[in-house]
């Protein structure tokens, strides 16, 4: 398998032509095209933030010492 990484400016007609290097043999080939979304960096930041939050939440030992109060106890008026 030969892996190539190229960048291209995509014109309005969305047509891109590639000239492959000589080490790519002629004949049938499977080409994979990946287009990064404009928000890829933001999505990566969100995923990292979520992972940090989940790690922190899993490590937390915060919990109630007793039974949870009833609705009436929560809304008692003094």
Protein backbone atom coordinates (compact mmCIF):
# COMPACT_ATOMS: atom_id res chain seq x y z
CA UNK A 1 0.00 0.00 0.00
CA UNK A 2 1.25 3.47 -0.86
CA UNK A 3 0.00 6.34 1.26
CA UNK A 4 0.01 9.83 -0.21
CA UNK A 5 -1.00 13.05 1.50
CA UNK A 6 -1.79 15.97 -0.76
CA UNK A 7 -3.54 19.27 -0.41
CA UNK A 8 -5.65 20.90 -3.08
CA UNK A 9 -7.70 24.00 -3.68
CA UNK A 10 -11.21 22.87 -4.56
CA UNK A 11 -12.70 25.11 -7.27
CA UNK A 12 -16.39 26.00 -7.59
CA UNK A 13 -16.99 23.06 -9.93
CA UNK A 14 -15.59 20.71 -7.22
CA UNK A 15 -13.30 19.02 -9.77
CA UNK A 16 -9.75 18.13 -8.73
CA UNK A 17 -7.17 16.36 -10.90
CA UNK A 18 -4.31 14.41 -9.29
CA UNK A 19 -1.01 13.46 -10.88
CA UNK A 20 0.27 10.45 -8.98
CA UNK A 21 3.99 9.75 -8.50
CA UNK A 22 5.79 7.11 -10.58
CA UNK A 23 5.83 4.55 -7.74
CA UNK A 24 2.04 4.17 -8.05
CA UNK A 25 1.53 1.26 -10.46
CA UNK A 26 -0.97 1.55 -13.30
CA UNK A 27 -4.15 -0.53 -13.07
CA UNK A 28 -7.10 -0.73 -10.72
CA UNK A 29 -6.66 1.12 -7.43
CA UNK A 30 -8.78 2.10 -4.46
CA UNK A 31 -8.53 5.80 -3.66
CA UNK A 32 -9.69 7.24 -0.36
CA UNK A 33 -10.48 10.96 -0.22
CA UNK A 34 -10.77 12.71 3.14
CA UNK A 35 -12.04 16.26 3.41
CA UNK A 36 -11.55 17.85 6.82
CA UNK A 37 -14.58 19.76 7.99
CA UNK A 38 -13.99 23.43 8.81
CA UNK A 39 -14.95 22.65 12.41
CA UNK A 40 -12.61 19.66 12.80
CA UNK A 41 -10.40 21.49 15.32
CA UNK A 42 -13.44 22.55 17.35
CA UNK A 43 -14.81 18.99 17.33
CA UNK A 44 -11.45 17.71 18.54
CA UNK A 45 -11.42 20.29 21.37
CA UNK A 46 -14.94 19.21 22.40
CA UNK A 47 -13.97 15.54 22.42
CA UNK A 48 -10.90 16.28 24.55
CA UNK A 49 -12.95 18.42 26.96
CA UNK A 50 -15.56 15.67 27.29
CA UNK A 51 -12.86 13.10 28.01
CA UNK A 52 -11.33 15.37 30.71
CA UNK A 53 -14.78 15.85 32.27
CA UNK A 54 -15.54 12.12 32.26
CA UNK A 55 -12.14 11.29 33.76
CA UNK A 56 -12.75 13.82 36.53
CA UNK A 57 -16.32 12.60 37.12
CA UNK A 58 -15.19 8.97 37.37
CA UNK A 59 -12.50 9.93 39.90
CA UNK A 60 -14.93 11.93 42.05
CA UNK A 61 -15.95 10.51 45.40
CA UNK A 62 -18.72 13.09 45.96
CA UNK A 63 -21.88 11.42 47.20
CA UNK A 64 -24.71 11.91 49.64
CA UNK A 65 -24.12 10.70 53.21
CA UNK A 66 -27.75 9.81 53.76
CA UNK A 67 -31.05 9.34 52.00
CA UNK A 68 -32.13 12.02 49.58
CA UNK A 69 -34.66 14.50 50.99
CA UNK A 70 -38.27 14.16 49.93
CA UNK A 71 -39.94 16.78 47.75
CA UNK A 72 -41.81 18.12 50.78
CA UNK A 73 -38.53 18.47 52.73
CA UNK A 74 -36.94 20.30 49.84
CA UNK A 75 -39.77 22.81 49.66
CA UNK A 76 -40.47 23.28 53.39
CA UNK A 77 -41.33 26.84 54.23
CA UNK A 78 -40.14 28.23 57.53
